[in-house]
Amino acid sequence: SARNLSILSSLTAAGGFLSNVAWSRDGSHLFATGSCWVDSGCPILRWNSDGGEGRQFTAASRTIDDLIPLRNGQLAFGATAPGFGILDQSGSRILWRGPPVADFRGGQVAATADGLRVGFGYELMGKSPAAFSTTDRSLGPGDFPPSVAGPLTTGLNVTDWQNSDSPKLDGTPLKLDPYEISRSLAIAPDRQSFALGAESYLRLFDRSGNLRWEAPAIGSTWAVNIPRNARTVIAAF
């Protein structure tokens, strides 16, 4: 109550961190959203102004940061996908504009032995696979052919490398920048070196953990691979 601050009703939601709330423009509905808590991503919840059970509507794959009520009961939202969209009065998503680039998070970059043909996923966790050939610059959708292999992550005792600020080789920490997070690993086929992809740099270490070289990353190094010929390092940002 705006008059005496007494609780008029309590609205319930199953899980999630509701960091954003907004009223519809006519005050008939309350919306809430925030971090993801369902398999399909981050929904938006809607309650009638008199309380009751909230309804859940599919909205975005990642955290939703902003809600803006529109006319006619519609709702605009912005997400960290990045992307933005609109729900209509029934809760159906009538507009969505997502990122125009591939989302390498949770996936891998695969490659032929010579490194000239590369496989990747356009969507989160490697979904919507595709393959790219550097020889004829062709790009096509579909599962990777058998000749396109993912990175080696065994053969050297590299641990705590995935989404961690303290990757290790044989229990000894590998040097990263302060607060930098390691994201990806590829061990060379001869086990004499390994590539570690992180937030700020892509680095190549020898089998003893000595830094051989580092290259500034243009974004999070979500995936990395050393093809079987061990002449190149392929990274996905």
Protein backbone atom coordinates (compact mmCIF):
# COMPACT_ATOMS: atom_id res chain seq x y z
CA SER A 1 0.00 0.00 0.00
CA ALA A 2 1.30 3.44 -0.92
CA ARG A 3 -0.70 4.93 1.95
CA ASN A 4 0.66 3.00 4.93
CA LEU A 5 3.24 0.56 3.46
CA SER A 6 1.20 -2.48 4.53
CA ILE A 7 1.51 -5.63 2.41
CA LEU A 8 -1.51 -6.04 0.17
CA SER A 9 -0.51 -9.38 -1.39
CA SER A 10 2.54 -11.60 -1.91
CA LEU A 11 3.41 -12.84 -5.36
CA THR A 12 5.31 -16.07 -5.77
CA ALA A 13 7.75 -17.30 -8.43
CA ALA A 14 9.53 -20.64 -8.64
CA GLY A 15 13.27 -19.91 -8.48
CA GLY A 16 15.29 -17.26 -10.20
CA PHE A 17 16.65 -13.88 -9.17
CA LEU A 18 14.06 -11.23 -10.01
CA SER A 19 16.12 -8.08 -10.45
CA ASN A 20 13.69 -6.14 -12.66
CA VAL A 21 10.00 -5.31 -12.19
CA ALA A 22 7.59 -3.08 -14.13
CA TRP A 23 3.89 -2.27 -14.22
CA SER A 24 1.89 -2.37 -17.43
CA ARG A 25 0.92 1.14 -18.56
CA ASP A 26 -2.68 0.67 -17.41
CA GLY A 27 -1.62 -0.82 -14.06
CA SER A 28 -3.45 -4.10 -14.65
CA HIS A 29 -0.36 -6.34 -14.66
CA LEU A 30 2.99 -6.58 -12.91
CA PHE A 31 6.01 -7.98 -14.77
CA ALA A 32 9.23 -9.37 -13.29
CA THR A 33 12.38 -10.94 -14.70
CA GLY A 34 16.12 -11.29 -14.12
CA SER A 35 18.54 -14.22 -14.24
CA CYS A 36 17.89 -17.58 -15.91
CA TRP A 37 16.25 -20.38 -13.97
CA VAL A 38 14.59 -22.61 -16.58
CA ASP A 39 16.10 -24.86 -19.27
CA SER A 40 14.74 -22.71 -22.08
CA GLY A 41 16.44 -19.55 -20.77
CA CYS A 42 15.21 -16.45 -18.98
CA PRO A 43 11.44 -15.99 -18.91
CA ILE A 44 9.34 -12.98 -18.01
CA LEU A 45 6.66 -13.45 -15.32
CA ARG A 46 3.33 -11.65 -15.32
CA TRP A 47 0.76 -11.32 -12.54
CA ASN A 48 -2.64 -9.69 -12.42
CA SER A 49 -2.68 -6.62 -10.21
CA ASP A 50 -4.87 -8.44 -7.67
CA GLY A 51 -2.25 -11.18 -7.20
CA GLY A 52 -2.72 -14.85 -7.96
CA GLU A 53 -0.37 -17.20 -9.77
CA GLY A 54 2.17 -15.66 -12.12
CA ARG A 55 2.33 -16.75 -15.75
CA GLN A 56 5.67 -17.45 -17.38
CA PHE A 57 6.59 -16.41 -20.93
CA THR A 58 9.66 -17.32 -22.98
CA ALA A 59 11.80 -14.26 -23.64
CA ALA A 60 15.61 -14.57 -23.92
CA SER A 61 18.44 -17.08 -23.47
CA ARG A 62 20.37 -14.94 -21.00
CA THR A 63 19.72 -12.47 -18.19
CA ILE A 64 17.14 -9.78 -18.95
CA ASP A 65 18.30 -6.36 -17.78
CA ASP A 66 15.47 -4.03 -18.66
CA LEU A 67 11.67 -3.97 -19.02
CA ILE A 68 9.74 -1.15 -20.72
CA PRO A 69 5.91 -1.28 -20.82
CA LEU A 70 4.40 -0.23 -24.14
CA ARG A 71 0.92 0.75 -25.24
CA ASN A 72 -1.76 -1.90 -25.79
CA GLY A 73 -0.34 -4.10 -23.05
CA GLN A 74 2.86 -4.95 -24.90
CA LEU A 75 6.25 -5.17 -23.15
CA ALA A 76 9.74 -4.43 -24.51
CA PHE A 77 12.79 -6.05 -22.92
CA GLY A 78 16.57 -5.95 -23.28
CA ALA A 79 18.82 -8.95 -22.58
CA THR A 80 22.53 -9.64 -22.22
CA ALA A 81 22.41 -12.11 -25.15
CA PRO A 82 22.79 -9.34 -26.44
CA GLY A 83 19.37 -8.74 -27.87
CA PHE A 84 15.98 -7.09 -27.42
CA GLY A 85 12.39 -8.07 -28.03
CA ILE A 86 8.70 -7.38 -27.52
CA LEU A 87 5.95 -9.52 -25.96
CA ASP A 88 2.35 -8.91 -27.03
CA GLN A 89 -0.69 -8.82 -24.73
CA SER A 90 -0.92 -12.64 -24.70
CA GLY A 91 2.77 -13.07 -23.79
CA SER A 92 3.88 -14.20 -27.24
CA ARG A 93 7.23 -12.91 -28.47
CA ILE A 94 6.43 -10.88 -31.58
CA LEU A 95 9.90 -9.35 -32.01
CA TRP A 96 13.41 -10.57 -31.26
CA ARG A 97 16.71 -9.21 -32.48
CA GLY A 98 19.66 -11.28 -31.28
CA PRO A 99 23.40 -10.97 -31.83
CA PRO A 100 24.55 -11.06 -35.49
CA VAL A 101 27.55 -13.25 -34.61
CA ALA A 102 28.04 -16.87 -33.55
CA ASP A 103 27.76 -17.68 -29.83
CA PHE A 104 30.74 -19.92 -29.02
CA ARG A 105 29.98 -20.28 -25.30
CA GLY A 106 29.91 -23.91 -24.19
CA GLY A 107 30.88 -25.20 -27.63
CA GLN A 108 34.12 -26.01 -29.38
CA VAL A 109 36.00 -25.23 -32.55
CA ALA A 110 36.92 -28.33 -34.53
CA ALA A 111 39.41 -28.63 -37.38
CA THR A 112 40.86 -30.95 -39.99
CA ALA A 113 44.45 -32.14 -39.56
CA ASP A 114 45.78 -29.37 -41.78
CA GLY A 115 43.63 -26.72 -40.09
CA LEU A 116 42.08 -25.58 -43.38
CA ARG A 117 38.53 -26.70 -42.59
CA VAL A 118 36.91 -25.57 -39.34
CA GLY A 119 33.70 -26.62 -37.60
CA PHE A 120 31.77 -24.61 -35.00
CA GLY A 121 28.28 -24.00 -33.63
CA TYR A 122 26.35 -20.80 -34.25
CA GLU A 123 24.38 -21.14 -31.02
CA LEU A 124 25.08 -21.72 -27.33
CA MET A 125 26.54 -25.15 -26.41
CA GLY A 126 27.52 -25.90 -30.01
CA LYS A 127 24.01 -25.97 -31.43
CA SER A 128 23.35 -25.12 -35.12
CA PRO A 129 26.67 -26.60 -36.35
CA ALA A 130 28.40 -25.37 -39.47
CA ALA A 131 31.72 -25.86 -41.26
CA PHE A 132 33.96 -23.32 -42.99
CA SER A 133 36.66 -24.05 -45.56
CA THR A 134 39.55 -21.60 -45.85
CA THR A 135 40.66 -23.01 -49.21
CA ASP A 136 37.51 -22.09 -51.16
CA ARG A 137 35.91 -19.79 -48.54
CA SER A 138 32.77 -21.91 -48.44
CA LEU A 139 30.45 -21.96 -45.42
CA GLY A 140 27.69 -24.50 -44.93
CA PRO A 141 25.37 -25.74 -42.16
CA GLY A 142 25.30 -29.29 -40.86
CA ASP A 143 27.13 -31.70 -38.56
CA PHE A 144 30.93 -31.84 -38.70
CA PRO A 145 32.35 -34.46 -41.08
CA PRO A 146 34.51 -37.19 -39.46
CA SER A 147 37.69 -35.45 -40.65
CA VAL A 148 36.89 -32.39 -38.49
CA ALA A 149 37.98 -33.12 -34.92
CA GLY A 150 37.61 -31.26 -31.66
CA PRO A 151 40.53 -30.19 -29.45
CA LEU A 152 42.59 -32.57 -27.34
CA THR A 153 42.17 -31.88 -23.62
CA THR A 154 43.98 -34.96 -22.27
CA GLY A 155 47.59 -36.08 -22.32
CA LEU A 156 48.95 -33.35 -20.04
CA ASN A 157 47.79 -32.74 -16.48
CA VAL A 158 46.14 -29.36 -17.07
CA THR A 159 43.40 -28.82 -14.50
CA ASP A 160 40.95 -26.08 -13.41
CA TRP A 161 41.11 -24.51 -16.86
CA GLN A 162 37.41 -24.17 -17.62
CA ASN A 163 35.82 -20.91 -16.42
CA SER A 164 38.45 -20.53 -13.72
CA ASP A 165 40.95 -17.89 -12.59
CA SER A 166 43.44 -20.52 -11.39
CA PRO A 167 44.33 -23.03 -14.15
CA LYS A 168 47.16 -25.39 -13.23
CA LEU A 169 49.70 -27.72 -14.81
CA ASP A 170 50.67 -30.62 -12.52
CA GLY A 171 49.22 -28.61 -9.64
CA THR A 172 51.31 -25.50 -10.37
CA PRO A 173 49.30 -22.35 -11.20
CA LEU A 174 49.65 -20.95 -14.71
CA LYS A 175 50.13 -17.20 -14.80
CA LEU A 176 47.15 -15.12 -15.92
CA ASP A 177 46.41 -11.43 -15.58
CA PRO A 178 44.71 -10.40 -12.31
CA TYR A 179 41.01 -11.40 -12.35
CA GLU A 180 41.39 -13.01 -15.77
CA ILE A 181 39.29 -16.12 -16.40
CA SER A 182 40.50 -19.14 -18.35
CA ARG A 183 37.88 -20.42 -20.83
CA SER A 184 39.34 -23.03 -23.19
CA LEU A 185 42.15 -25.56 -23.63
CA ALA A 186 43.78 -27.41 -26.53
CA ILE A 187 46.73 -29.77 -26.08
CA ALA A 188 49.09 -30.29 -29.02
CA PRO A 189 49.00 -33.78 -30.58
CA ASP A 190 52.65 -34.38 -29.61
CA ARG A 191 51.86 -33.29 -26.00
CA GLN A 192 54.80 -30.87 -26.09
CA SER A 193 52.67 -27.72 -25.70
CA PHE A 194 49.15 -26.52 -25.04
CA ALA A 195 47.06 -23.46 -25.81
CA LEU A 196 45.03 -21.77 -23.09
CA GLY A 197 42.29 -19.34 -24.08
CA ALA A 198 41.30 -16.69 -21.57
CA GLU A 199 39.57 -13.32 -21.25
CA SER A 200 42.54 -11.13 -22.15
CA TYR A 201 44.98 -13.36 -24.00
CA LEU A 202 45.42 -16.53 -25.99
CA ARG A 203 48.59 -18.17 -24.66
CA LEU A 204 50.78 -21.08 -25.71
CA PHE A 205 52.73 -22.90 -22.95
CA ASP A 206 55.29 -25.68 -23.28
CA ARG A 207 54.76 -28.99 -21.47
CA SER A 208 56.63 -27.59 -18.43
CA GLY A 209 54.32 -24.57 -18.12
CA ASN A 210 56.71 -22.00 -19.61
CA LEU A 211 55.01 -19.31 -21.69
CA ARG A 212 56.07 -19.54 -25.35
CA TRP A 213 53.89 -16.71 -26.68
CA GLU A 214 50.71 -14.79 -26.02
CA ALA A 215 48.36 -12.86 -28.31
CA PRO A 216 45.82 -10.27 -27.13
CA ALA A 217 42.27 -11.61 -27.27
CA ILE A 218 39.61 -9.58 -29.07
CA GLY A 219 37.04 -11.02 -26.66
CA SER A 220 36.60 -14.05 -24.44
CA THR A 221 38.45 -17.00 -25.99
CA TRP A 222 35.52 -19.41 -25.76
CA ALA A 223 37.14 -22.18 -27.81
CA VAL A 224 40.59 -23.14 -29.06
CA ASN A 225 42.10 -25.97 -31.10
CA ILE A 226 45.54 -27.14 -32.23
CA PRO A 227 45.08 -29.17 -35.46
CA ARG A 228 46.86 -32.48 -35.82
CA ASN A 229 49.68 -30.93 -37.85
CA ALA A 230 50.47 -28.75 -34.77
CA ARG A 231 51.42 -25.81 -36.99
CA THR A 232 48.57 -23.48 -36.14
CA VAL A 233 46.31 -22.51 -33.26
CA ILE A 234 42.66 -21.76 -34.03
CA ALA A 235 40.62 -19.68 -31.60
CA ALA A 236 36.96 -18.63 -31.42
CA PHE A 237 36.19 -15.25 -29.84
